[in-house]
N, C-alpha and C. Protein backbone atom coordinates (compact mmCIF):
# COMPACT_ATOMS: atom_id res chain seq x y z
N UNK A 1 90.61 -18.83 -117.05
CA UNK A 1 91.19 -17.72 -117.76
C UNK A 1 91.70 -16.65 -116.80
N UNK A 2 90.96 -16.38 -115.73
CA UNK A 2 91.39 -15.31 -114.82
C UNK A 2 92.71 -15.64 -114.13
N UNK A 3 92.96 -16.92 -113.90
CA UNK A 3 94.22 -17.31 -113.26
C UNK A 3 95.40 -16.98 -114.16
N UNK A 4 95.29 -17.32 -115.44
CA UNK A 4 96.36 -17.01 -116.40
C UNK A 4 96.57 -15.51 -116.52
N UNK A 5 95.47 -14.76 -116.57
CA UNK A 5 95.58 -13.30 -116.67
C UNK A 5 96.23 -12.71 -115.43
N UNK A 6 95.87 -13.22 -114.27
CA UNK A 6 96.47 -12.72 -113.03
C UNK A 6 97.97 -12.97 -113.00
N UNK A 7 98.40 -14.12 -113.52
CA UNK A 7 99.83 -14.42 -113.56
C UNK A 7 100.54 -13.49 -114.54
N UNK A 8 99.95 -13.26 -115.71
CA UNK A 8 100.54 -12.35 -116.69
C UNK A 8 100.68 -10.95 -116.10
N UNK A 9 99.62 -10.46 -115.48
CA UNK A 9 99.65 -9.13 -114.87
C UNK A 9 100.67 -9.08 -113.74
N UNK A 10 100.70 -10.11 -112.91
CA UNK A 10 101.65 -10.15 -111.79
C UNK A 10 103.09 -10.08 -112.29
N UNK A 11 103.38 -10.81 -113.34
CA UNK A 11 104.75 -10.80 -113.89
C UNK A 11 105.09 -9.43 -114.48
N UNK A 12 104.12 -8.78 -115.12
CA UNK A 12 104.35 -7.43 -115.65
C UNK A 12 104.61 -6.43 -114.52
N UNK A 13 103.86 -6.57 -113.44
CA UNK A 13 104.04 -5.65 -112.32
C UNK A 13 105.38 -5.92 -111.62
N UNK A 14 105.77 -7.18 -111.56
CA UNK A 14 107.08 -7.51 -110.98
C UNK A 14 108.19 -6.86 -111.79
N UNK A 15 108.04 -6.89 -113.10
CA UNK A 15 109.04 -6.27 -113.97
C UNK A 15 109.07 -4.76 -113.75
N UNK A 16 107.91 -4.15 -113.65
CA UNK A 16 107.84 -2.69 -113.48
C UNK A 16 108.32 -2.24 -112.11
N UNK A 17 107.93 -2.97 -111.07
CA UNK A 17 108.25 -2.58 -109.69
C UNK A 17 109.29 -3.52 -109.08
N UNK A 18 110.23 -3.97 -109.87
CA UNK A 18 111.17 -5.02 -109.45
C UNK A 18 111.90 -4.72 -108.14
N UNK A 19 112.25 -3.48 -107.91
CA UNK A 19 112.98 -3.14 -106.69
C UNK A 19 112.06 -2.98 -105.47
N UNK A 20 110.76 -2.95 -105.69
CA UNK A 20 109.82 -2.74 -104.59
C UNK A 20 108.89 -3.92 -104.31
N UNK A 21 108.91 -4.89 -105.20
CA UNK A 21 107.90 -5.94 -105.14
C UNK A 21 108.54 -7.32 -105.23
N UNK A 22 108.13 -8.19 -104.34
CA UNK A 22 108.55 -9.59 -104.39
C UNK A 22 107.36 -10.40 -104.89
N UNK A 23 107.57 -11.22 -105.88
CA UNK A 23 106.49 -12.00 -106.47
C UNK A 23 106.67 -13.47 -106.13
N UNK A 24 105.59 -14.06 -105.63
CA UNK A 24 105.56 -15.50 -105.37
C UNK A 24 104.27 -16.03 -105.95
N UNK A 25 104.36 -17.11 -106.69
CA UNK A 25 103.17 -17.73 -107.29
C UNK A 25 103.06 -19.15 -106.76
N UNK A 26 101.91 -19.45 -106.18
CA UNK A 26 101.65 -20.77 -105.61
C UNK A 26 100.32 -21.31 -106.14
N UNK A 27 100.19 -22.61 -106.16
CA UNK A 27 98.90 -23.21 -106.46
C UNK A 27 98.07 -23.24 -105.19
N UNK A 28 96.76 -23.34 -105.34
CA UNK A 28 95.90 -23.32 -104.15
C UNK A 28 96.08 -24.54 -103.26
N UNK A 29 96.67 -25.59 -103.78
CA UNK A 29 96.91 -26.78 -102.96
C UNK A 29 98.32 -26.82 -102.38
N UNK A 30 99.06 -25.73 -102.50
CA UNK A 30 100.41 -25.68 -101.96
C UNK A 30 100.39 -25.48 -100.44
N UNK A 31 101.49 -25.84 -99.79
CA UNK A 31 101.55 -25.66 -98.33
C UNK A 31 101.50 -24.17 -97.97
N UNK A 32 102.01 -23.29 -98.83
CA UNK A 32 101.97 -21.85 -98.56
C UNK A 32 100.54 -21.31 -98.56
N UNK A 33 99.69 -21.89 -99.37
CA UNK A 33 98.30 -21.44 -99.47
C UNK A 33 97.41 -22.05 -98.39
N UNK A 34 97.89 -23.07 -97.73
CA UNK A 34 97.08 -23.78 -96.74
C UNK A 34 96.60 -22.90 -95.60
N UNK A 35 97.34 -21.86 -95.28
CA UNK A 35 96.96 -20.99 -94.17
C UNK A 35 95.78 -20.07 -94.51
N UNK A 36 95.42 -20.00 -95.77
CA UNK A 36 94.33 -19.13 -96.22
C UNK A 36 93.11 -19.97 -96.56
N UNK A 37 91.96 -19.37 -96.44
CA UNK A 37 90.71 -20.07 -96.76
C UNK A 37 90.26 -19.66 -98.17
N UNK A 38 91.09 -19.99 -99.17
CA UNK A 38 90.77 -19.62 -100.54
C UNK A 38 89.57 -20.42 -101.02
N UNK A 39 88.66 -19.73 -101.70
CA UNK A 39 87.45 -20.39 -102.20
C UNK A 39 87.40 -20.43 -103.72
N UNK A 40 88.43 -19.90 -104.36
CA UNK A 40 88.46 -19.95 -105.82
C UNK A 40 89.88 -20.26 -106.28
N UNK A 41 90.03 -20.51 -107.56
CA UNK A 41 91.34 -20.88 -108.10
C UNK A 41 92.26 -19.67 -108.23
N UNK A 42 91.70 -18.49 -108.40
CA UNK A 42 92.52 -17.29 -108.58
C UNK A 42 92.43 -16.42 -107.33
N UNK A 43 93.57 -16.28 -106.66
CA UNK A 43 93.66 -15.47 -105.46
C UNK A 43 94.96 -14.69 -105.50
N UNK A 44 94.87 -13.39 -105.30
CA UNK A 44 96.05 -12.54 -105.31
C UNK A 44 96.09 -11.80 -103.98
N UNK A 45 97.25 -11.84 -103.35
CA UNK A 45 97.43 -11.15 -102.08
C UNK A 45 98.48 -10.06 -102.25
N UNK A 46 98.26 -8.96 -101.58
CA UNK A 46 99.26 -7.91 -101.47
C UNK A 46 99.34 -7.55 -100.00
N UNK A 47 100.50 -7.75 -99.41
CA UNK A 47 100.71 -7.51 -97.98
C UNK A 47 99.62 -8.18 -97.15
N UNK A 48 99.39 -9.46 -97.44
CA UNK A 48 98.45 -10.31 -96.72
C UNK A 48 96.98 -9.95 -96.93
N UNK A 49 96.66 -9.03 -97.82
CA UNK A 49 95.27 -8.68 -98.10
C UNK A 49 94.90 -9.14 -99.51
N UNK A 50 93.69 -9.64 -99.65
CA UNK A 50 93.21 -10.11 -100.94
C UNK A 50 92.99 -8.93 -101.88
N UNK A 51 93.48 -9.09 -103.11
CA UNK A 51 93.25 -8.11 -104.17
C UNK A 51 92.08 -8.63 -105.01
N UNK A 52 91.06 -7.82 -105.24
CA UNK A 52 89.94 -8.28 -106.05
C UNK A 52 90.40 -8.78 -107.43
N UNK A 53 89.78 -9.84 -107.92
CA UNK A 53 90.18 -10.44 -109.18
C UNK A 53 90.07 -9.45 -110.34
N UNK A 54 89.07 -8.56 -110.32
CA UNK A 54 88.94 -7.60 -111.42
C UNK A 54 90.13 -6.64 -111.46
N UNK A 55 90.76 -6.40 -110.34
CA UNK A 55 91.98 -5.56 -110.30
C UNK A 55 93.18 -6.40 -110.69
N UNK A 56 93.29 -7.58 -110.12
CA UNK A 56 94.46 -8.45 -110.33
C UNK A 56 94.61 -8.92 -111.77
N UNK A 57 93.53 -8.91 -112.52
CA UNK A 57 93.59 -9.39 -113.91
C UNK A 57 93.62 -8.27 -114.93
N UNK A 58 93.69 -7.03 -114.48
CA UNK A 58 93.73 -5.88 -115.39
C UNK A 58 95.02 -5.10 -115.14
N UNK A 59 95.86 -5.02 -116.15
CA UNK A 59 97.17 -4.38 -116.02
C UNK A 59 97.07 -2.94 -115.51
N UNK A 60 96.18 -2.16 -116.06
CA UNK A 60 96.06 -0.75 -115.66
C UNK A 60 95.54 -0.60 -114.23
N UNK A 61 94.55 -1.41 -113.88
CA UNK A 61 94.00 -1.35 -112.52
C UNK A 61 95.04 -1.81 -111.49
N UNK A 62 95.77 -2.87 -111.82
CA UNK A 62 96.77 -3.37 -110.88
C UNK A 62 97.92 -2.37 -110.74
N UNK A 63 98.29 -1.75 -111.82
CA UNK A 63 99.35 -0.73 -111.78
C UNK A 63 98.92 0.42 -110.87
N UNK A 64 97.69 0.89 -111.03
CA UNK A 64 97.18 1.97 -110.17
C UNK A 64 97.10 1.52 -108.71
N UNK A 65 96.67 0.28 -108.50
CA UNK A 65 96.59 -0.27 -107.16
C UNK A 65 97.97 -0.27 -106.49
N UNK A 66 98.95 -0.80 -107.19
CA UNK A 66 100.32 -0.86 -106.62
C UNK A 66 100.93 0.52 -106.47
N UNK A 67 100.73 1.38 -107.44
CA UNK A 67 101.29 2.73 -107.36
C UNK A 67 100.79 3.49 -106.14
N UNK A 68 99.58 3.21 -105.74
CA UNK A 68 99.03 3.90 -104.56
C UNK A 68 99.50 3.29 -103.24
N UNK A 69 100.13 2.12 -103.30
CA UNK A 69 100.53 1.44 -102.07
C UNK A 69 102.03 1.25 -101.89
N UNK A 70 102.78 1.42 -102.95
CA UNK A 70 104.24 1.22 -102.84
C UNK A 70 104.96 2.54 -102.63
């Protein structure tokens, strides 16, 4: 469930911050993810740093997170 929520939130944030944010979604078995030591199915990165799942899956928390960094 958290993976689906993270994708929904990510797409909403991409829509809101379209001119400031590039969105890429990969599966954990993709070649792009191979460079990271992911230990769970849901992983969100912002500027190469992991975003906690509780933030990445909550629209308001993710909006506040991005607003403070963009």
